[in-house]
Amino acid sequence: MNTFTWTPDIGSTRDIVPNLFSVKFGENYEQTGPAGLNPIMETRSLPFTNRTLAESQAINAFLEAQCGATFAYTHPNGTLKNYKCKHWTVKDVEGVRLDITADFQQVPL
C-alpha cells in the first residue's frame, strides 16, 4: 500500500458522521446504535498551499496515481489511518505553483 507523506497546512478540518442503524417501533419509539465494526469514519479536508511547483505537482501526481484507491496517511498528530481520495481541487496560482485541497475519506484498517 502506498503512503501519502506530505504534511497539510495548519487548519485542516475533520468531518465525523457516525454510521448508525435505526429501528422504529410503535408509539414513536426508536432505537439507534452503531452500525458495523467501524461506525465512526472521518473525512478530512486537507489544504496544501504556498508549496513549490515541484511539491504541489508531486502531491497531485500521487493522488492521480491512486485514482481513489486506499493509501496510508499519518496525520501530524501521529495517528496512522487508511484513506481514499476521490475528490481534490487544484488551483493554478500565477503559473508558479498549485494550491491543492484534498478530501480524504477514512477506510477501515
N, C-alpha and C. Protein backbone atom coordinates (compact mmCIF):
# COMPACT_ATOMS: atom_id res chain seq x y z
N MET A 1 0.85 -1.17 0.00
CA MET A 1 0.00 0.00 0.00
C MET A 1 0.90 1.24 0.00
N ASN A 2 0.52 2.22 -0.79
CA ASN A 2 1.29 3.46 -0.87
C ASN A 2 1.01 4.33 0.35
N THR A 3 1.95 5.24 0.62
CA THR A 3 1.83 6.13 1.77
C THR A 3 1.90 7.58 1.31
N PHE A 4 0.95 8.38 1.75
CA PHE A 4 0.94 9.82 1.49
C PHE A 4 1.82 10.47 2.54
N THR A 5 2.88 11.17 2.12
CA THR A 5 3.89 11.64 3.06
C THR A 5 3.92 13.15 3.27
N TRP A 6 3.08 13.90 2.59
CA TRP A 6 3.12 15.36 2.70
C TRP A 6 2.31 15.83 3.91
N THR A 7 2.77 16.91 4.52
CA THR A 7 2.08 17.49 5.69
C THR A 7 1.19 18.63 5.23
N PRO A 8 -0.09 18.59 5.61
CA PRO A 8 -1.01 19.67 5.19
C PRO A 8 -0.75 20.95 5.96
N ASP A 9 -1.36 22.02 5.49
CA ASP A 9 -1.31 23.29 6.20
C ASP A 9 -2.01 23.15 7.55
N ILE A 10 -1.67 24.03 8.46
CA ILE A 10 -2.39 24.10 9.73
C ILE A 10 -3.80 24.60 9.43
N GLY A 11 -4.77 24.01 10.08
CA GLY A 11 -6.15 24.44 9.87
C GLY A 11 -6.98 23.48 9.04
N SER A 12 -6.53 22.23 8.91
CA SER A 12 -7.35 21.26 8.19
C SER A 12 -8.61 20.98 9.01
N THR A 13 -9.65 20.53 8.33
CA THR A 13 -10.89 20.23 9.02
C THR A 13 -11.16 18.73 9.00
N ARG A 14 -11.90 18.28 10.00
CA ARG A 14 -12.25 16.87 10.13
C ARG A 14 -13.75 16.79 10.31
N ASP A 15 -14.41 16.03 9.45
CA ASP A 15 -15.85 15.85 9.49
C ASP A 15 -16.13 14.42 9.95
N ILE A 16 -16.89 14.29 11.03
CA ILE A 16 -17.17 12.97 11.60
C ILE A 16 -18.68 12.75 11.61
N VAL A 17 -19.11 11.68 10.97
CA VAL A 17 -20.52 11.33 10.95
C VAL A 17 -20.62 9.85 11.31
N PRO A 18 -21.08 9.52 12.53
CA PRO A 18 -21.20 8.12 12.90
C PRO A 18 -22.18 7.37 12.00
N ASN A 19 -21.87 6.13 11.70
CA ASN A 19 -22.75 5.27 10.93
C ASN A 19 -23.65 4.53 11.92
N LEU A 20 -24.92 4.87 11.91
CA LEU A 20 -25.85 4.31 12.88
C LEU A 20 -26.97 3.53 12.19
N PHE A 21 -27.48 2.54 12.90
CA PHE A 21 -28.70 1.90 12.43
C PHE A 21 -29.85 2.45 13.26
N SER A 22 -31.04 2.36 12.73
CA SER A 22 -32.20 2.89 13.43
C SER A 22 -33.38 1.95 13.19
N VAL A 23 -34.06 1.61 14.27
CA VAL A 23 -35.25 0.77 14.19
C VAL A 23 -36.39 1.52 14.84
N LYS A 24 -37.48 1.68 14.10
CA LYS A 24 -38.64 2.38 14.64
C LYS A 24 -39.69 1.37 15.08
N PHE A 25 -40.22 1.65 16.26
CA PHE A 25 -41.28 0.81 16.83
C PHE A 25 -42.55 1.66 16.93
N GLY A 26 -43.58 1.08 17.44
CA GLY A 26 -44.82 1.81 17.62
C GLY A 26 -44.71 2.92 18.67
N GLU A 27 -45.68 3.79 18.68
CA GLU A 27 -45.79 4.88 19.64
C GLU A 27 -44.55 5.80 19.63
N ASN A 28 -43.99 6.02 18.44
CA ASN A 28 -42.85 6.92 18.24
C ASN A 28 -41.58 6.50 18.98
N TYR A 29 -41.47 5.24 19.33
CA TYR A 29 -40.26 4.75 19.97
C TYR A 29 -39.25 4.37 18.89
N GLU A 30 -38.02 4.77 19.08
CA GLU A 30 -36.97 4.47 18.12
C GLU A 30 -35.71 4.06 18.87
N GLN A 31 -35.05 3.04 18.34
CA GLN A 31 -33.79 2.60 18.94
C GLN A 31 -32.68 2.76 17.90
N THR A 32 -31.57 3.35 18.31
CA THR A 32 -30.42 3.52 17.41
C THR A 32 -29.17 2.96 18.06
N GLY A 33 -28.20 2.65 17.22
CA GLY A 33 -26.92 2.14 17.72
C GLY A 33 -25.90 2.14 16.60
N PRO A 34 -24.65 1.87 16.95
CA PRO A 34 -23.60 1.87 15.94
C PRO A 34 -23.79 0.73 14.94
N ALA A 35 -23.54 1.03 13.67
CA ALA A 35 -23.69 0.03 12.61
C ALA A 35 -22.31 -0.45 12.17
N GLY A 36 -22.07 -1.73 12.25
CA GLY A 36 -20.82 -2.30 11.77
C GLY A 36 -19.69 -2.24 12.77
N LEU A 37 -18.54 -2.75 12.33
CA LEU A 37 -17.37 -2.81 13.20
C LEU A 37 -16.65 -1.47 13.31
N ASN A 38 -16.82 -0.61 12.32
CA ASN A 38 -16.16 0.70 12.29
C ASN A 38 -17.21 1.78 12.09
N PRO A 39 -17.99 2.07 13.12
CA PRO A 39 -19.10 3.00 12.92
C PRO A 39 -18.69 4.47 12.81
N ILE A 40 -17.48 4.80 13.25
CA ILE A 40 -17.05 6.19 13.19
C ILE A 40 -15.91 6.31 12.19
N MET A 41 -16.23 6.88 11.04
CA MET A 41 -15.25 7.12 9.98
C MET A 41 -15.23 8.61 9.73
N GLU A 42 -14.08 9.13 9.40
CA GLU A 42 -13.95 10.58 9.24
C GLU A 42 -13.58 10.95 7.82
N THR A 43 -13.86 12.19 7.50
CA THR A 43 -13.42 12.79 6.25
C THR A 43 -12.59 14.01 6.63
N ARG A 44 -11.42 14.13 6.04
CA ARG A 44 -10.54 15.27 6.31
C ARG A 44 -10.41 16.11 5.05
N SER A 45 -10.53 17.41 5.21
CA SER A 45 -10.28 18.34 4.12
C SER A 45 -8.90 18.95 4.39
N LEU A 46 -7.93 18.58 3.57
CA LEU A 46 -6.53 18.95 3.81
C LEU A 46 -6.05 19.96 2.77
N PRO A 47 -5.68 21.16 3.21
CA PRO A 47 -5.15 22.16 2.27
C PRO A 47 -3.63 22.07 2.16
N PHE A 48 -3.14 22.25 0.96
CA PHE A 48 -1.70 22.30 0.67
C PHE A 48 -1.47 23.56 -0.16
N THR A 49 -1.12 24.66 0.49
CA THR A 49 -0.96 25.93 -0.20
C THR A 49 0.46 26.45 -0.02
N ASN A 50 0.83 27.41 -0.89
CA ASN A 50 2.15 28.04 -0.86
C ASN A 50 3.28 27.02 -0.90
N ARG A 51 3.12 25.98 -1.69
CA ARG A 51 4.15 24.96 -1.88
C ARG A 51 4.90 25.27 -3.17
N THR A 52 6.06 24.70 -3.30
CA THR A 52 6.78 24.86 -4.56
C THR A 52 6.00 24.15 -5.66
N LEU A 53 6.26 24.52 -6.88
CA LEU A 53 5.59 23.88 -8.00
C LEU A 53 5.90 22.38 -8.02
N ALA A 54 7.15 22.02 -7.75
CA ALA A 54 7.53 20.61 -7.76
C ALA A 54 6.78 19.82 -6.69
N GLU A 55 6.67 20.38 -5.48
CA GLU A 55 5.98 19.68 -4.40
C GLU A 55 4.49 19.54 -4.71
N SER A 56 3.86 20.61 -5.17
CA SER A 56 2.43 20.53 -5.45
C SER A 56 2.15 19.60 -6.63
N GLN A 57 3.04 19.56 -7.61
CA GLN A 57 2.88 18.60 -8.71
C GLN A 57 3.04 17.17 -8.21
N ALA A 58 3.93 16.95 -7.25
CA ALA A 58 4.12 15.61 -6.69
C ALA A 58 2.88 15.16 -5.92
N ILE A 59 2.28 16.08 -5.16
CA ILE A 59 1.05 15.75 -4.43
C ILE A 59 -0.06 15.39 -5.41
N ASN A 60 -0.23 16.21 -6.43
CA ASN A 60 -1.26 15.95 -7.44
C ASN A 60 -1.00 14.63 -8.17
N ALA A 61 0.25 14.37 -8.50
CA ALA A 61 0.61 13.12 -9.20
C ALA A 61 0.30 11.90 -8.32
N PHE A 62 0.58 11.99 -7.03
CA PHE A 62 0.26 10.89 -6.11
C PHE A 62 -1.23 10.61 -6.12
N LEU A 63 -2.03 11.67 -5.96
CA LEU A 63 -3.49 11.50 -5.92
C LEU A 63 -4.03 10.94 -7.23
N GLU A 64 -3.48 11.41 -8.35
CA GLU A 64 -3.91 10.88 -9.65
C GLU A 64 -3.54 9.41 -9.79
N ALA A 65 -2.34 9.05 -9.34
CA ALA A 65 -1.89 7.66 -9.45
C ALA A 65 -2.75 6.73 -8.58
N GLN A 66 -3.18 7.21 -7.42
CA GLN A 66 -4.04 6.40 -6.55
C GLN A 66 -5.41 6.20 -7.16
N CYS A 67 -5.91 7.20 -7.86
CA CYS A 67 -7.20 7.12 -8.56
C CYS A 67 -8.31 6.57 -7.65
N GLY A 68 -8.35 7.09 -6.41
CA GLY A 68 -9.39 6.68 -5.48
C GLY A 68 -9.07 5.44 -4.67
N ALA A 69 -7.91 4.82 -4.91
CA ALA A 69 -7.54 3.61 -4.17
C ALA A 69 -7.05 3.97 -2.76
N THR A 70 -7.04 3.00 -1.88
CA THR A 70 -6.65 3.20 -0.49
C THR A 70 -5.16 3.43 -0.36
N PHE A 71 -4.80 4.35 0.55
CA PHE A 71 -3.40 4.60 0.87
C PHE A 71 -3.29 4.91 2.36
N ALA A 72 -2.09 4.81 2.88
CA ALA A 72 -1.84 5.11 4.29
C ALA A 72 -1.46 6.57 4.44
N TYR A 73 -1.87 7.16 5.57
CA TYR A 73 -1.52 8.55 5.86
C TYR A 73 -1.41 8.72 7.37
N THR A 74 -0.30 9.29 7.81
CA THR A 74 -0.12 9.61 9.22
C THR A 74 -0.34 11.09 9.40
N HIS A 75 -1.39 11.43 10.13
CA HIS A 75 -1.71 12.83 10.39
C HIS A 75 -0.61 13.42 11.29
N PRO A 76 -0.38 14.74 11.21
CA PRO A 76 0.64 15.36 12.07
C PRO A 76 0.46 15.08 13.56
N ASN A 77 -0.75 14.71 13.99
CA ASN A 77 -0.94 14.36 15.41
C ASN A 77 -0.46 12.95 15.73
N GLY A 78 0.03 12.22 14.72
CA GLY A 78 0.62 10.90 14.94
C GLY A 78 -0.27 9.72 14.66
N THR A 79 -1.55 9.93 14.31
CA THR A 79 -2.44 8.80 14.06
C THR A 79 -2.32 8.32 12.61
N LEU A 80 -2.08 7.02 12.48
CA LEU A 80 -1.99 6.38 11.17
C LEU A 80 -3.34 5.76 10.85
N LYS A 81 -3.88 6.13 9.68
CA LYS A 81 -5.15 5.57 9.22
C LYS A 81 -5.07 5.37 7.72
N ASN A 82 -5.97 4.55 7.21
CA ASN A 82 -6.08 4.36 5.77
C ASN A 82 -7.16 5.30 5.23
N TYR A 83 -6.88 5.87 4.07
CA TYR A 83 -7.80 6.80 3.44
C TYR A 83 -7.90 6.51 1.95
N LYS A 84 -8.91 7.08 1.34
CA LYS A 84 -9.00 7.16 -0.11
C LYS A 84 -9.33 8.61 -0.43
N CYS A 85 -8.94 9.06 -1.60
CA CYS A 85 -9.22 10.44 -2.00
C CYS A 85 -9.90 10.38 -3.37
N LYS A 86 -11.19 10.66 -3.38
CA LYS A 86 -11.96 10.65 -4.62
C LYS A 86 -12.20 12.05 -5.15
N HIS A 87 -11.78 13.07 -4.37
CA HIS A 87 -12.01 14.45 -4.80
C HIS A 87 -10.89 15.35 -4.26
N TRP A 88 -10.31 16.12 -5.14
CA TRP A 88 -9.37 17.16 -4.73
C TRP A 88 -9.46 18.29 -5.73
N THR A 89 -9.13 19.48 -5.26
CA THR A 89 -9.20 20.68 -6.08
C THR A 89 -7.80 21.23 -6.28
N VAL A 90 -7.49 21.57 -7.53
CA VAL A 90 -6.18 22.13 -7.87
C VAL A 90 -6.39 23.53 -8.41
N LYS A 91 -5.73 24.50 -7.79
CA LYS A 91 -5.84 25.88 -8.23
C LYS A 91 -4.47 26.35 -8.71
N ASP A 92 -4.41 26.78 -9.97
CA ASP A 92 -3.17 27.30 -10.54
C ASP A 92 -2.98 28.73 -10.03
N VAL A 93 -1.87 28.97 -9.36
CA VAL A 93 -1.59 30.29 -8.79
C VAL A 93 -0.45 30.93 -9.56
N GLU A 94 -0.81 31.85 -10.42
CA GLU A 94 0.14 32.65 -11.19
C GLU A 94 1.15 31.80 -11.98
N GLY A 95 0.79 30.59 -12.28
CA GLY A 95 1.64 29.73 -13.08
C GLY A 95 2.91 29.25 -12.40
N VAL A 96 3.09 29.59 -11.13
CA VAL A 96 4.32 29.21 -10.44
C VAL A 96 4.10 28.18 -9.35
N ARG A 97 2.86 27.93 -9.01
CA ARG A 97 2.57 26.89 -8.02
C ARG A 97 1.11 26.46 -8.15
N LEU A 98 0.79 25.38 -7.48
CA LEU A 98 -0.57 24.87 -7.42
C LEU A 98 -1.01 24.83 -5.97
N ASP A 99 -2.18 25.32 -5.67
CA ASP A 99 -2.77 25.14 -4.34
C ASP A 99 -3.74 23.97 -4.45
N ILE A 100 -3.62 23.02 -3.54
CA ILE A 100 -4.43 21.80 -3.58
C ILE A 100 -5.21 21.67 -2.29
N THR A 101 -6.47 21.31 -2.41
CA THR A 101 -7.28 20.92 -1.26
C THR A 101 -7.80 19.53 -1.55
N ALA A 102 -7.45 18.57 -0.68
CA ALA A 102 -7.81 17.17 -0.90
C ALA A 102 -8.77 16.70 0.19
N ASP A 103 -9.79 15.97 -0.21
CA ASP A 103 -10.76 15.39 0.73
C ASP A 103 -10.42 13.92 0.93
N PHE A 104 -9.90 13.59 2.11
CA PHE A 104 -9.52 12.22 2.45
C PHE A 104 -10.68 11.58 3.19
N GLN A 105 -11.13 10.41 2.72
CA GLN A 105 -12.18 9.64 3.39
C GLN A 105 -11.55 8.43 4.03
N GLN A 106 -11.75 8.27 5.33
CA GLN A 106 -11.17 7.15 6.05
C GLN A 106 -11.81 5.84 5.61
N VAL A 107 -10.99 4.81 5.52
CA VAL A 107 -11.48 3.45 5.25
C VAL A 107 -10.97 2.55 6.38
N PRO A 108 -11.65 1.46 6.67
CA PRO A 108 -11.24 0.59 7.79
C PRO A 108 -9.84 0.03 7.59
N LEU A 109 -9.10 -0.11 8.70
CA LEU A 109 -7.76 -0.71 8.66
C LEU A 109 -7.85 -2.18 8.39
